[in-house]
Amino acid sequence: MAHKVDVHVGKRIRQRRWLTGMTQQRLAELVGIKFQQIQKYETGANRVSASRLWDIADALDVQVSFFFEGLEVDAPEDSETMDAVPVDLMGDKEAMDLVRSYYAIPENQRRRLFELARVLSDVA
C-alpha cells in the first residue's frame, strides 16, 4: 500500500503537469526517464527520490515545496466551508478545468470574475 505522502506528491505532480498542459511523455523527456515512471509517481505506486523531485520541480517550474502543499488535511477545518468543497479538490477534473480556464482569462477580467464569484457564493 502506498504511503499517503507519496500519493499526495504524485497528485501534485499530475496536477501541475496537467495545468501546464504537459504530457507525461514530455515531462519524462525533460527529467530523463520513461513516461511509465511518471505514471507510477503520479499514482503514488513509486516513491519519488529527492533528486528526482528536484528535477521534476525544475521541469514544471515550481519550488519543491509545491508538492507538499496541502498535506496537513487531517486537521479539523471549518465544517460549513469544507462540506461544499470536494475532499480532493485538485483531483476533481471539473475543478481543474475551471482553474485552467480561469487563468486563461486576461488579468483585469479575471479579477472582475473573481469578485463576481465571491458575491455569488455569499448569496447562495
PDB file of N, CA and C in Angstrom:
ATOM      1  N   MET A   1       0.845  -1.183   0.000  1.00  0.00           N
ATOM      2  CA  MET A   1       0.000   0.000   0.000  1.00  0.00           C
ATOM      3  C   MET A   1       0.886   1.240   0.000  1.00  0.00           C
ATOM      4  N   ALA A   2       0.541   2.201  -0.849  1.00  0.00           N
ATOM      5  CA  ALA A   2       1.329   3.423  -0.981  1.00  0.00           C
ATOM      6  C   ALA A   2       1.151   4.307   0.259  1.00  0.00           C
ATOM      7  N   HIS A   3       2.214   4.988   0.631  1.00  0.00           N
ATOM      8  CA  HIS A   3       2.175   5.923   1.747  1.00  0.00           C
ATOM      9  C   HIS A   3       1.396   7.161   1.317  1.00  0.00           C
ATOM     10  N   LYS A   4       0.650   7.763   2.236  1.00  0.00           N
ATOM     11  CA  LYS A   4      -0.196   8.905   1.881  1.00  0.00           C
ATOM     12  C   LYS A   4       0.619  10.087   1.365  1.00  0.00           C
ATOM     13  N   VAL A   5       1.852  10.238   1.817  1.00  0.00           N
ATOM     14  CA  VAL A   5       2.698  11.327   1.325  1.00  0.00           C
ATOM     15  C   VAL A   5       3.067  11.076  -0.135  1.00  0.00           C
ATOM     16  N   ASP A   6       3.393   9.843  -0.477  1.00  0.00           N
ATOM     17  CA  ASP A   6       3.736   9.515  -1.863  1.00  0.00           C
ATOM     18  C   ASP A   6       2.544   9.744  -2.787  1.00  0.00           C
ATOM     19  N   VAL A   7       1.359   9.391  -2.322  1.00  0.00           N
ATOM     20  CA  VAL A   7       0.143   9.601  -3.105  1.00  0.00           C
ATOM     21  C   VAL A   7      -0.101  11.096  -3.294  1.00  0.00           C
ATOM     22  N   HIS A   8       0.064  11.867  -2.220  1.00  0.00           N
ATOM     23  CA  HIS A   8      -0.147  13.313  -2.286  1.00  0.00           C
ATOM     24  C   HIS A   8       0.844  13.965  -3.260  1.00  0.00           C
ATOM     25  N   VAL A   9       2.111  13.625  -3.136  1.00  0.00           N
ATOM     26  CA  VAL A   9       3.135  14.186  -4.029  1.00  0.00           C
ATOM     27  C   VAL A   9       2.812  13.821  -5.473  1.00  0.00           C
ATOM     28  N   GLY A  10       2.402  12.587  -5.705  1.00  0.00           N
ATOM     29  CA  GLY A  10       2.036  12.159  -7.057  1.00  0.00           C
ATOM     30  C   GLY A  10       0.872  12.948  -7.625  1.00  0.00           C
ATOM     31  N   LYS A  11      -0.120  13.203  -6.790  1.00  0.00           N
ATOM     32  CA  LYS A  11      -1.273  14.000  -7.239  1.00  0.00           C
ATOM     33  C   LYS A  11      -0.849  15.419  -7.591  1.00  0.00           C
ATOM     34  N   ARG A  12       0.059  15.972  -6.798  1.00  0.00           N
ATOM     35  CA  ARG A  12       0.529  17.330  -7.061  1.00  0.00           C
ATOM     36  C   ARG A  12       1.366  17.387  -8.347  1.00  0.00           C
ATOM     37  N   ILE A  13       2.130  16.335  -8.611  1.00  0.00           N
ATOM     38  CA  ILE A  13       2.875  16.262  -9.880  1.00  0.00           C
ATOM     39  C   ILE A  13       1.882  16.253 -11.037  1.00  0.00           C
ATOM     40  N   ARG A  14       0.887  15.377 -10.948  1.00  0.00           N
ATOM     41  CA  ARG A  14      -0.125  15.281 -12.005  1.00  0.00           C
ATOM     42  C   ARG A  14      -0.864  16.602 -12.185  1.00  0.00           C
ATOM     43  N   GLN A  15      -1.242  17.222 -11.073  1.00  0.00           N
ATOM     44  CA  GLN A  15      -1.970  18.489 -11.127  1.00  0.00           C
ATOM     45  C   GLN A  15      -1.157  19.554 -11.845  1.00  0.00           C
ATOM     46  N   ARG A  16       0.086  19.725 -11.453  1.00  0.00           N
ATOM     47  CA  ARG A  16       0.918  20.765 -12.065  1.00  0.00           C
ATOM     48  C   ARG A  16       1.191  20.452 -13.533  1.00  0.00           C
ATOM     49  N   ARG A  17       1.467  19.193 -13.836  1.00  0.00           N
ATOM     50  CA  ARG A  17       1.722  18.791 -15.218  1.00  0.00           C
ATOM     51  C   ARG A  17       0.503  19.090 -16.063  1.00  0.00           C
ATOM     52  N   TRP A  18      -0.658  18.737 -15.544  1.00  0.00           N
ATOM     53  CA  TRP A  18      -1.910  18.933 -16.267  1.00  0.00           C
ATOM     54  C   TRP A  18      -2.203  20.419 -16.467  1.00  0.00           C
ATOM     55  N   LEU A  19      -1.995  21.216 -15.425  1.00  0.00           N
ATOM     56  CA  LEU A  19      -2.249  22.659 -15.521  1.00  0.00           C
ATOM     57  C   LEU A  19      -1.350  23.342 -16.549  1.00  0.00           C
ATOM     58  N   THR A  20      -0.150  22.845 -16.710  1.00  0.00           N
ATOM     59  CA  THR A  20       0.759  23.431 -17.689  1.00  0.00           C
ATOM     60  C   THR A  20       0.535  22.864 -19.082  1.00  0.00           C
ATOM     61  N   GLY A  21      -0.344  21.863 -19.182  1.00  0.00           N
ATOM     62  CA  GLY A  21      -0.626  21.267 -20.484  1.00  0.00           C
ATOM     63  C   GLY A  21       0.465  20.317 -20.962  1.00  0.00           C
ATOM     64  N   MET A  22       1.285  19.842 -20.041  1.00  0.00           N
ATOM     65  CA  MET A  22       2.395  18.969 -20.395  1.00  0.00           C
ATOM     66  C   MET A  22       1.957  17.503 -20.345  1.00  0.00           C
ATOM     67  N   THR A  23       2.418  16.719 -21.288  1.00  0.00           N
ATOM     68  CA  THR A  23       2.115  15.286 -21.288  1.00  0.00           C
ATOM     69  C   THR A  23       3.089  14.556 -20.370  1.00  0.00           C
ATOM     70  N   GLN A  24       2.717  13.343 -19.999  1.00  0.00           N
ATOM     71  CA  GLN A  24       3.627  12.512 -19.211  1.00  0.00           C
ATOM     72  C   GLN A  24       4.900  12.247 -20.004  1.00  0.00           C
ATOM     73  N   GLN A  25       4.746  12.047 -21.297  1.00  0.00           N
ATOM     74  CA  GLN A  25       5.899  11.786 -22.163  1.00  0.00           C
ATOM     75  C   GLN A  25       6.874  12.960 -22.140  1.00  0.00           C
ATOM     76  N   ARG A  26       6.351  14.181 -22.261  1.00  0.00           N
ATOM     77  CA  ARG A  26       7.212  15.363 -22.282  1.00  0.00           C
ATOM     78  C   ARG A  26       7.913  15.560 -20.943  1.00  0.00           C
ATOM     79  N   LEU A  27       7.180  15.385 -19.850  1.00  0.00           N
ATOM     80  CA  LEU A  27       7.800  15.514 -18.529  1.00  0.00           C
ATOM     81  C   LEU A  27       8.906  14.479 -18.370  1.00  0.00           C
ATOM     82  N   ALA A  28       8.631  13.266 -18.798  1.00  0.00           N
ATOM     83  CA  ALA A  28       9.630  12.202 -18.700  1.00  0.00           C
ATOM     84  C   ALA A  28      10.884  12.563 -19.496  1.00  0.00           C
ATOM     85  N   GLU A  29      10.699  13.110 -20.684  1.00  0.00           N
ATOM     86  CA  GLU A  29      11.846  13.518 -21.510  1.00  0.00           C
ATOM     87  C   GLU A  29      12.665  14.604 -20.813  1.00  0.00           C
ATOM     88  N   LEU A  30      11.983  15.578 -20.227  1.00  0.00           N
ATOM     89  CA  LEU A  30      12.692  16.668 -19.545  1.00  0.00           C
ATOM     90  C   LEU A  30      13.475  16.179 -18.334  1.00  0.00           C
ATOM     91  N   VAL A  31      12.935  15.144 -17.686  1.00  0.00           N
ATOM     92  CA  VAL A  31      13.567  14.622 -16.472  1.00  0.00           C
ATOM     93  C   VAL A  31      14.585  13.524 -16.795  1.00  0.00           C
ATOM     94  N   GLY A  32      14.460  12.931 -17.983  1.00  0.00           N
ATOM     95  CA  GLY A  32      15.399  11.888 -18.392  1.00  0.00           C
ATOM     96  C   GLY A  32      15.008  10.490 -17.959  1.00  0.00           C
ATOM     97  N   ILE A  33      13.696  10.237 -17.917  1.00  0.00           N
ATOM     98  CA  ILE A  33      13.200   8.912 -17.548  1.00  0.00           C
ATOM     99  C   ILE A  33      12.110   8.495 -18.530  1.00  0.00           C
ATOM    100  N   LYS A  34      11.570   7.293 -18.359  1.00  0.00           N
ATOM    101  CA  LYS A  34      10.478   6.799 -19.198  1.00  0.00           C
ATOM    102  C   LYS A  34       9.147   7.317 -18.661  1.00  0.00           C
ATOM    103  N   PHE A  35       8.187   7.493 -19.563  1.00  0.00           N
ATOM    104  CA  PHE A  35       6.884   8.031 -19.132  1.00  0.00           C
ATOM    105  C   PHE A  35       6.179   7.097 -18.164  1.00  0.00           C
ATOM    106  N   GLN A  36       6.470   5.790 -18.240  1.00  0.00           N
ATOM    107  CA  GLN A  36       5.847   4.848 -17.306  1.00  0.00           C
ATOM    108  C   GLN A  36       6.238   5.169 -15.856  1.00  0.00           C
ATOM    109  N   GLN A  37       7.451   5.688 -15.691  1.00  0.00           N
ATOM    110  CA  GLN A  37       7.888   6.055 -14.340  1.00  0.00           C
ATOM    111  C   GLN A  37       7.084   7.250 -13.840  1.00  0.00           C
ATOM    112  N   ILE A  38       6.794   8.199 -14.724  1.00  0.00           N
ATOM    113  CA  ILE A  38       5.958   9.345 -14.347  1.00  0.00           C
ATOM    114  C   ILE A  38       4.582   8.832 -13.925  1.00  0.00           C
ATOM    115  N   GLN A  39       4.040   7.866 -14.667  1.00  0.00           N
ATOM    116  CA  GLN A  39       2.735   7.280 -14.304  1.00  0.00           C
ATOM    117  C   GLN A  39       2.781   6.704 -12.896  1.00  0.00           C
ATOM    118  N   LYS A  40       3.839   5.995 -12.590  1.00  0.00           N
ATOM    119  CA  LYS A  40       3.969   5.376 -11.269  1.00  0.00           C
ATOM    120  C   LYS A  40       4.121   6.420 -10.172  1.00  0.00           C
ATOM    121  N   TYR A  41       4.842   7.508 -10.460  1.00  0.00           N
ATOM    122  CA  TYR A  41       4.957   8.600  -9.490  1.00  0.00           C
ATOM    123  C   TYR A  41       3.597   9.232  -9.239  1.00  0.00           C
ATOM    124  N   GLU A  42       2.861   9.487 -10.325  1.00  0.00           N
ATOM    125  CA  GLU A  42       1.583  10.189 -10.203  1.00  0.00           C
ATOM    126  C   GLU A  42       0.536   9.383  -9.440  1.00  0.00           C
ATOM    127  N   THR A  43       0.612   8.075  -9.478  1.00  0.00           N
ATOM    128  CA  THR A  43      -0.333   7.251  -8.730  1.00  0.00           C
ATOM    129  C   THR A  43       0.140   6.971  -7.308  1.00  0.00           C
ATOM    130  N   GLY A  44       1.388   7.297  -7.033  1.00  0.00           N
ATOM    131  CA  GLY A  44       1.941   7.014  -5.714  1.00  0.00           C
ATOM    132  C   GLY A  44       2.456   5.591  -5.598  1.00  0.00           C
ATOM    133  N   ALA A  45       2.442   4.849  -6.711  1.00  0.00           N
ATOM    134  CA  ALA A  45       2.934   3.471  -6.697  1.00  0.00           C
ATOM    135  C   ALA A  45       4.433   3.435  -6.437  1.00  0.00           C
ATOM    136  N   ASN A  46       5.155   4.418  -6.960  1.00  0.00           N
ATOM    137  CA  ASN A  46       6.595   4.535  -6.727  1.00  0.00           C
ATOM    138  C   ASN A  46       6.883   5.840  -5.999  1.00  0.00           C
ATOM    139  N   ARG A  47       7.777   5.762  -5.057  1.00  0.00           N
ATOM    140  CA  ARG A  47       8.200   6.940  -4.290  1.00  0.00           C
ATOM    141  C   ARG A  47       9.196   7.744  -5.127  1.00  0.00           C
ATOM    142  N   VAL A  48       9.067   9.065  -5.098  1.00  0.00           N
ATOM    143  CA  VAL A  48       9.960   9.952  -5.839  1.00  0.00           C
ATOM    144  C   VAL A  48      11.142  10.306  -4.943  1.00  0.00           C
ATOM    145  N   SER A  49      12.359  10.060  -5.433  1.00  0.00           N
ATOM    146  CA  SER A  49      13.542  10.424  -4.655  1.00  0.00           C
ATOM    147  C   SER A  49      13.672  11.943  -4.611  1.00  0.00           C
ATOM    148  N   ALA A  50      14.452  12.432  -3.672  1.00  0.00           N
ATOM    149  CA  ALA A  50      14.635  13.880  -3.506  1.00  0.00           C
ATOM    150  C   ALA A  50      15.231  14.500  -4.770  1.00  0.00           C
ATOM    151  N   SER A  51      16.247  13.867  -5.338  1.00  0.00           N
ATOM    152  CA  SER A  51      16.886  14.431  -6.529  1.00  0.00           C
ATOM    153  C   SER A  51      15.946  14.399  -7.734  1.00  0.00           C
ATOM    154  N   ARG A  52      15.145  13.358  -7.838  1.00  0.00           N
ATOM    155  CA  ARG A  52      14.185  13.282  -8.944  1.00  0.00           C
ATOM    156  C   ARG A  52      13.076  14.308  -8.767  1.00  0.00           C
ATOM    157  N   LEU A  53      12.634  14.504  -7.516  1.00  0.00           N
ATOM    158  CA  LEU A  53      11.614  15.516  -7.247  1.00  0.00           C
ATOM    159  C   LEU A  53      12.152  16.907  -7.587  1.00  0.00           C
ATOM    160  N   TRP A  54      13.418  17.130  -7.315  1.00  0.00           N
ATOM    161  CA  TRP A  54      14.059  18.391  -7.662  1.00  0.00           C
ATOM    162  C   TRP A  54      14.002  18.602  -9.182  1.00  0.00           C
ATOM    163  N   ASP A  55      14.313  17.561  -9.946  1.00  0.00           N
ATOM    164  CA  ASP A  55      14.289  17.644 -11.416  1.00  0.00           C
ATOM    165  C   ASP A  55      12.870  17.870 -11.939  1.00  0.00           C
ATOM    166  N   ILE A  56      11.908  17.208 -11.333  1.00  0.00           N
ATOM    167  CA  ILE A  56      10.506  17.366 -11.739  1.00  0.00           C
ATOM    168  C   ILE A  56      10.036  18.791 -11.436  1.00  0.00           C
ATOM    169  N   ALA A  57      10.399  19.302 -10.273  1.00  0.00           N
ATOM    170  CA  ALA A  57      10.034  20.673  -9.917  1.00  0.00           C
ATOM    171  C   ALA A  57      10.621  21.655 -10.923  1.00  0.00           C
ATOM    172  N   ASP A  58      11.854  21.437 -11.306  1.00  0.00           N
ATOM    173  CA  ASP A  58      12.509  22.302 -12.290  1.00  0.00           C
ATOM    174  C   ASP A  58      11.778  22.227 -13.633  1.00  0.00           C
ATOM    175  N   ALA A  59      11.433  21.027 -14.070  1.00  0.00           N
ATOM    176  CA  ALA A  59      10.739  20.847 -15.347  1.00  0.00           C
ATOM    177  C   ALA A  59       9.350  21.470 -15.333  1.00  0.00           C
ATOM    178  N   LEU A  60       8.695  21.459 -14.168  1.00  0.00           N
ATOM    179  CA  LEU A  60       7.337  22.009 -14.051  1.00  0.00           C
ATOM    180  C   LEU A  60       7.338  23.454 -13.553  1.00  0.00           C
ATOM    181  N   ASP A  61       8.528  24.013 -13.356  1.00  0.00           N
ATOM    182  CA  ASP A  61       8.699  25.411 -12.968  1.00  0.00           C
ATOM    183  C   ASP A  61       7.992  25.748 -11.648  1.00  0.00           C
ATOM    184  N   VAL A  62       8.215  24.915 -10.637  1.00  0.00           N
ATOM    185  CA  VAL A  62       7.703  25.171  -9.289  1.00  0.00           C
ATOM    186  C   VAL A  62       8.801  24.866  -8.282  1.00  0.00           C
ATOM    187  N   GLN A  63       8.611  25.345  -7.057  1.00  0.00           N
ATOM    188  CA  GLN A  63       9.506  25.000  -5.960  1.00  0.00           C
ATOM    189  C   GLN A  63       9.190  23.574  -5.507  1.00  0.00           C
ATOM    190  N   VAL A  64      10.140  22.884  -4.949  1.00  0.00           N
ATOM    191  CA  VAL A  64       9.916  21.525  -4.456  1.00  0.00           C
ATOM    192  C   VAL A  64       8.810  21.522  -3.399  1.00  0.00           C
ATOM    193  N   SER A  65       8.718  22.565  -2.615  1.00  0.00           N
ATOM    194  CA  SER A  65       7.699  22.639  -1.565  1.00  0.00           C
ATOM    195  C   SER A  65       6.277  22.582  -2.128  1.00  0.00           C
ATOM    196  N   PHE A  66       6.105  22.945  -3.393  1.00  0.00           N
ATOM    197  CA  PHE A  66       4.790  22.895  -4.035  1.00  0.00           C
ATOM    198  C   PHE A  66       4.153  21.512  -3.885  1.00  0.00           C
ATOM    199  N   PHE A  67       4.958  20.475  -3.993  1.00  0.00           N
ATOM    200  CA  PHE A  67       4.444  19.109  -3.983  1.00  0.00           C
ATOM    201  C   PHE A  67       3.933  18.674  -2.611  1.00  0.00           C
ATOM    202  N   PHE A  68       4.275  19.422  -1.573  1.00  0.00           N
ATOM    203  CA  PHE A  68       3.855  19.074  -0.219  1.00  0.00           C
ATOM    204  C   PHE A  68       2.747  19.979   0.310  1.00  0.00           C
ATOM    205  N   GLU A  69       2.399  21.002  -0.449  1.00  0.00           N
ATOM    206  CA  GLU A  69       1.348  21.918  -0.014  1.00  0.00           C
ATOM    207  C   GLU A  69       0.028  21.171   0.151  1.00  0.00           C
ATOM    208  N   GLY A  70      -0.686  21.492   1.225  1.00  0.00           N
ATOM    209  CA  GLY A  70      -1.988  20.880   1.469  1.00  0.00           C
ATOM    210  C   GLY A  70      -1.928  19.496   2.070  1.00  0.00           C
ATOM    211  N   LEU A  71      -0.765  19.058   2.468  1.00  0.00           N
ATOM    212  CA  LEU A  71      -0.612  17.707   3.005  1.00  0.00           C
ATOM    213  C   LEU A  71      -1.255  17.540   4.370  1.00  0.00           C
ATOM    214  N   GLU A  72      -1.331  18.601   5.170  1.00  0.00           N
ATOM    215  CA  GLU A  72      -1.887  18.513   6.515  1.00  0.00           C
ATOM    216  C   GLU A  72      -3.406  18.578   6.470  1.00  0.00           C
ATOM    217  N   VAL A  73      -4.047  17.641   5.802  1.00  0.00           N
ATOM    218  CA  VAL A  73      -5.502  17.654   5.682  1.00  0.00           C
ATOM    219  C   VAL A  73      -6.186  16.957   6.854  1.00  0.00           C
ATOM    220  N   ASP A  74      -5.412  16.430   7.788  1.00  0.00           N
ATOM    221  CA  ASP A  74      -6.004  15.737   8.935  1.00  0.00           C
ATOM    222  C   ASP A  74      -6.531  16.700   9.992  1.00  0.00           C
ATOM    223  N   ALA A  75      -6.099  17.960   9.942  1.00  0.00           N
ATOM    224  CA  ALA A  75      -6.542  18.948  10.935  1.00  0.00           C
ATOM    225  C   ALA A  75      -7.998  19.323  10.678  1.00  0.00           C
ATOM    226  N   PRO A  76      -8.798  19.446  11.735  1.00  0.00           N
ATOM    227  CA  PRO A  76     -10.185  19.840  11.532  1.00  0.00           C
ATOM    228  C   PRO A  76     -10.274  21.250  10.963  1.00  0.00           C
ATOM    229  N   GLU A  77     -11.212  21.429  10.044  1.00  0.00           N
ATOM    230  CA  GLU A  77     -11.401  22.716   9.392  1.00  0.00           C
ATOM    231  C   GLU A  77     -12.813  23.192   9.670  1.00  0.00           C
ATOM    232  N   ASP A  78     -13.129  24.363   9.196  1.00  0.00           N
ATOM    233  CA  ASP A  78     -14.478  24.907   9.304  1.00  0.00           C
ATOM    234  C   ASP A  78     -15.415  23.981   8.545  1.00  0.00           C
ATOM    235  N   SER A  79     -16.261  23.250   9.243  1.00  0.00           N
ATOM    236  CA  SER A  79     -17.085  22.220   8.613  1.00  0.00           C
ATOM    237  C   SER A  79     -18.068  22.793   7.606  1.00  0.00           C
ATOM    238  N   GLU A  80     -18.585  23.980   7.847  1.00  0.00           N
ATOM    239  CA  GLU A  80     -19.550  24.573   6.918  1.00  0.00           C
ATOM    240  C   GLU A  80     -18.908  24.808   5.556  1.00  0.00           C
ATOM    241  N   THR A  81     -17.684  25.354   5.539  1.00  0.00           N
ATOM    242  CA  THR A  81     -16.980  25.607   4.289  1.00  0.00           C
ATOM    243  C   THR A  81     -16.530  24.295   3.657  1.00  0.00           C
ATOM    244  N   MET A  82     -16.038  23.391   4.462  1.00  0.00           N
ATOM    245  CA  MET A  82     -15.481  22.153   3.931  1.00  0.00           C
ATOM    246  C   MET A  82     -16.543  21.241   3.337  1.00  0.00           C
ATOM    247  N   ASP A  83     -17.793  21.332   3.780  1.00  0.00           N
ATOM    248  CA  ASP A  83     -18.846  20.494   3.224  1.00  0.00           C
ATOM    249  C   ASP A  83     -19.072  20.780   1.746  1.00  0.00           C
ATOM    250  N   ALA A  84     -18.848  22.015   1.323  1.00  0.00           N
ATOM    251  CA  ALA A  84     -19.092  22.414  -0.062  1.00  0.00           C
ATOM    252  C   ALA A  84     -17.892  22.138  -0.970  1.00  0.00           C
ATOM    253  N   VAL A  85     -16.729  21.824  -0.408  1.00  0.00           N
ATOM    254  CA  VAL A  85     -15.513  21.628  -1.192  1.00  0.00           C
ATOM    255  C   VAL A  85     -15.175  20.137  -1.232  1.00  0.00           C
ATOM    256  N   PRO A  86     -14.931  19.586  -2.443  1.00  0.00           N
ATOM    257  CA  PRO A  86     -14.542  18.174  -2.528  1.00  0.00           C
ATOM    258  C   PRO A  86     -13.276  17.908  -1.714  1.00  0.00           C
ATOM    259  N   VAL A  87     -13.173  16.716  -1.142  1.00  0.00           N
ATOM    260  CA  VAL A  87     -12.013  16.351  -0.333  1.00  0.00           C
ATOM    261  C   VAL A  87     -10.737  16.465  -1.163  1.00  0.00           C
ATOM    262  N   ASP A  88     -10.761  15.971  -2.401  1.00  0.00           N
ATOM    263  CA  ASP A  88      -9.604  16.029  -3.283  1.00  0.00           C
ATOM    264  C   ASP A  88      -9.873  17.032  -4.389  1.00  0.00           C
ATOM    265  N   LEU A  89      -9.850  18.298  -4.043  1.00  0.00           N
ATOM    266  CA  LEU A  89     -10.162  19.366  -4.994  1.00  0.00           C
ATOM    267  C   LEU A  89      -9.256  19.309  -6.216  1.00  0.00           C
ATOM    268  N   MET A  90      -7.976  19.055  -6.005  1.00  0.00           N
ATOM    269  CA  MET A  90      -7.047  19.038  -7.125  1.00  0.00           C
ATOM    270  C   MET A  90      -7.182  17.775  -7.978  1.00  0.00           C
ATOM    271  N   GLY A  91      -7.873  16.782  -7.475  1.00  0.00           N
ATOM    272  CA  GLY A  91      -8.131  15.581  -8.257  1.00  0.00           C
ATOM    273  C   GLY A  91      -9.455  15.642  -8.988  1.00  0.00           C
ATOM    274  N   ASP A  92     -10.216  16.693  -8.760  1.00  0.00           N
ATOM    275  CA  ASP A  92     -11.523  16.878  -9.390  1.00  0.00           C
ATOM    276  C   ASP A  92     -11.323  17.520 -10.759  1.00  0.00           C
ATOM    277  N   LYS A  93     -11.617  16.779 -11.837  1.00  0.00           N
ATOM    278  CA  LYS A  93     -11.370  17.271 -13.193  1.00  0.00           C
ATOM    279  C   LYS A  93     -12.124  18.561 -13.477  1.00  0.00           C
ATOM    280  N   GLU A  94     -13.363  18.653 -13.030  1.00  0.00           N
ATOM    281  CA  GLU A  94     -14.152  19.863 -13.263  1.00  0.00           C
ATOM    282  C   GLU A  94     -13.486  21.079 -12.600  1.00  0.00           C
ATOM    283  N   ALA A  95     -13.004  20.907 -11.387  1.00  0.00           N
ATOM    284  CA  ALA A  95     -12.337  21.999 -10.688  1.00  0.00           C
ATOM    285  C   ALA A  95     -11.052  22.397 -11.412  1.00  0.00           C
ATOM    286  N   MET A  96     -10.310  21.417 -11.876  1.00  0.00           N
ATOM    287  CA  MET A  96      -9.068  21.716 -12.576  1.00  0.00           C
ATOM    288  C   MET A  96      -9.336  22.378 -13.927  1.00  0.00           C
ATOM    289  N   ASP A  97     -10.400  21.971 -14.627  1.00  0.00           N
ATOM    290  CA  ASP A  97     -10.783  22.641 -15.872  1.00  0.00           C
ATOM    291  C   ASP A  97     -11.129  24.094 -15.597  1.00  0.00           C
ATOM    292  N   LEU A  98     -11.832  24.331 -14.499  1.00  0.00           N
ATOM    293  CA  LEU A  98     -12.205  25.682 -14.124  1.00  0.00           C
ATOM    294  C   LEU A  98     -10.972  26.533 -13.821  1.00  0.00           C
ATOM    295  N   VAL A  99     -10.023  25.977 -13.088  1.00  0.00           N
ATOM    296  CA  VAL A  99      -8.798  26.701 -12.759  1.00  0.00           C
ATOM    297  C   VAL A  99      -8.009  27.029 -14.024  1.00  0.00           C
ATOM    298  N   ARG A 100      -7.873  26.073 -14.906  1.00  0.00           N
ATOM    299  CA  ARG A 100      -7.142  26.303 -16.151  1.00  0.00           C
ATOM    300  C   ARG A 100      -7.830  27.394 -16.974  1.00  0.00           C
ATOM    301  N   SER A 101      -9.130  27.333 -17.089  1.00  0.00           N
ATOM    302  CA  SER A 101      -9.880  28.338 -17.842  1.00  0.00           C
ATOM    303  C   SER A 101      -9.754  29.711 -17.183  1.00  0.00           C
ATOM    304  N   TYR A 102      -9.833  29.728 -15.868  1.00  0.00           N
ATOM    305  CA  TYR A 102      -9.734  30.978 -15.112  1.00  0.00           C
ATOM    306  C   TYR A 102      -8.418  31.691 -15.426  1.00  0.00           C
ATOM    307  N   TYR A 103      -7.311  30.954 -15.404  1.00  0.00           N
ATOM    308  CA  TYR A 103      -6.014  31.583 -15.638  1.00  0.00           C
ATOM    309  C   TYR A 103      -5.770  31.898 -17.104  1.00  0.00           C
ATOM    310  N   ALA A 104      -6.629  31.431 -17.996  1.00  0.00           N
ATOM    311  CA  ALA A 104      -6.526  31.790 -19.407  1.00  0.00           C
ATOM    312  C   ALA A 104      -7.189  33.141 -19.690  1.00  0.00           C
ATOM    313  N   ILE A 105      -7.959  33.639 -18.739  1.00  0.00           N
ATOM    314  CA  ILE A 105      -8.660  34.919 -18.883  1.00  0.00           C
ATOM    315  C   ILE A 105      -7.672  36.054 -18.580  1.00  0.00           C
ATOM    316  N   PRO A 106      -7.713  37.146 -19.358  1.00  0.00           N
ATOM    317  CA  PRO A 106      -6.830  38.287 -19.060  1.00  0.00           C
ATOM    318  C   PRO A 106      -7.019  38.758 -17.612  1.00  0.00           C
ATOM    319  N   GLU A 107      -5.929  39.233 -17.006  1.00  0.00           N
ATOM    320  CA  GLU A 107      -5.919  39.521 -15.572  1.00  0.00           C
ATOM    321  C   GLU A 107      -7.011  40.490 -15.125  1.00  0.00           C
ATOM    322  N   ASN A 108      -7.245  41.581 -15.865  1.00  0.00           N
ATOM    323  CA  ASN A 108      -8.253  42.549 -15.421  1.00  0.00           C
ATOM    324  C   ASN A 108      -9.650  41.937 -15.418  1.00  0.00           C
ATOM    325  N   GLN A 109      -9.952  41.098 -16.400  1.00  0.00           N
ATOM    326  CA  GLN A 109     -11.250  40.419 -16.447  1.00  0.00           C
ATOM    327  C   GLN A 109     -11.323  39.325 -15.384  1.00  0.00           C
ATOM    328  N   ARG A 110     -10.182  38.684 -15.137  1.00  0.00           N
ATOM    329  CA  ARG A 110     -10.127  37.618 -14.136  1.00  0.00           C
ATOM    330  C   ARG A 110     -10.459  38.168 -12.754  1.00  0.00           C
ATOM    331  N   ARG A 111      -9.955  39.350 -12.437  1.00  0.00           N
ATOM    332  CA  ARG A 111     -10.250  39.962 -11.136  1.00  0.00           C
ATOM    333  C   ARG A 111     -11.752  40.242 -11.004  1.00  0.00           C
ATOM    334  N   ARG A 112     -12.359  40.715 -12.068  1.00  0.00           N
ATOM    335  CA  ARG A 112     -13.795  41.000 -12.034  1.00  0.00           C
ATOM    336  C   ARG A 112     -14.592  39.707 -11.876  1.00  0.00           C
ATOM    337  N   LEU A 113     -14.158  38.657 -12.563  1.00  0.00           N
ATOM    338  CA  LEU A 113     -14.829  37.364 -12.437  1.00  0.00           C
ATOM    339  C   LEU A 113     -14.698  36.831 -11.009  1.00  0.00           C
ATOM    340  N   PHE A 114     -13.532  37.006 -10.424  1.00  0.00           N
ATOM    341  CA  PHE A 114     -13.299  36.563  -9.054  1.00  0.00           C
ATOM    342  C   PHE A 114     -14.249  37.277  -8.092  1.00  0.00           C
ATOM    343  N   GLU A 115     -14.370  38.578  -8.243  1.00  0.00           N
ATOM    344  CA  GLU A 115     -15.271  39.345  -7.381  1.00  0.00           C
ATOM    345  C   GLU A 115     -16.716  38.895  -7.562  1.00  0.00           C
ATOM    346  N   LEU A 116     -17.123  38.628  -8.817  1.00  0.00           N
ATOM    347  CA  LEU A 116     -18.471  38.134  -9.088  1.00  0.00           C
ATOM    348  C   LEU A 116     -18.686  36.784  -8.370  1.00  0.00           C
ATOM    349  N   ALA A 117     -17.717  35.911  -8.463  1.00  0.00           N
ATOM    350  CA  ALA A 117     -17.838  34.604  -7.810  1.00  0.00           C
ATOM    351  C   ALA A 117     -17.962  34.746  -6.297  1.00  0.00           C
ATOM    352  N   ARG A 118     -17.219  35.676  -5.717  1.00  0.00           N
ATOM    353  CA  ARG A 118     -17.311  35.911  -4.273  1.00  0.00           C
ATOM    354  C   ARG A 118     -18.691  36.395  -3.885  1.00  0.00           C
ATOM    355  N   VAL A 119     -19.250  37.310  -4.675  1.00  0.00           N
ATOM    356  CA  VAL A 119     -20.584  37.832  -4.395  1.00  0.00           C
ATOM    357  C   VAL A 119     -21.609  36.727  -4.505  1.00  0.00           C
ATOM    358  N   LEU A 120     -21.528  35.930  -5.571  1.00  0.00           N
ATOM    359  CA  LEU A 120     -22.481  34.843  -5.770  1.00  0.00           C
ATOM    360  C   LEU A 120     -22.402  33.793  -4.672  1.00  0.00           C
ATOM    361  N   SER A 121     -21.195  33.495  -4.206  1.00  0.00           N
ATOM    362  CA  SER A 121     -21.065  32.485  -3.149  1.00  0.00           C
ATOM    363  C   SER A 121     -21.585  33.001  -1.825  1.00  0.00           C
ATOM    364  N   ASP A 122     -21.536  34.289  -1.588  1.00  0.00           N
ATOM    365  CA  ASP A 122     -22.084  34.874  -0.362  1.00  0.00           C
ATOM    366  C   ASP A 122     -23.601  34.848  -0.382  1.00  0.00           C
ATOM    367  N   VAL A 123     -24.192  34.957  -1.572  1.00  0.00           N
ATOM    368  CA  VAL A 123     -25.647  34.970  -1.711  1.00  0.00           C
ATOM    369  C   VAL A 123     -26.228  33.577  -1.570  1.00  0.00           C
ATOM    370  N   ALA A 124     -25.524  32.585  -2.084  1.00  0.00           N
ATOM    371  CA  ALA A 124     -26.051  31.217  -2.133  1.00  0.00           C
ATOM    372  C   ALA A 124     -26.291  30.606  -0.801  1.00  0.00           C
TER     373      ALA A 124
END
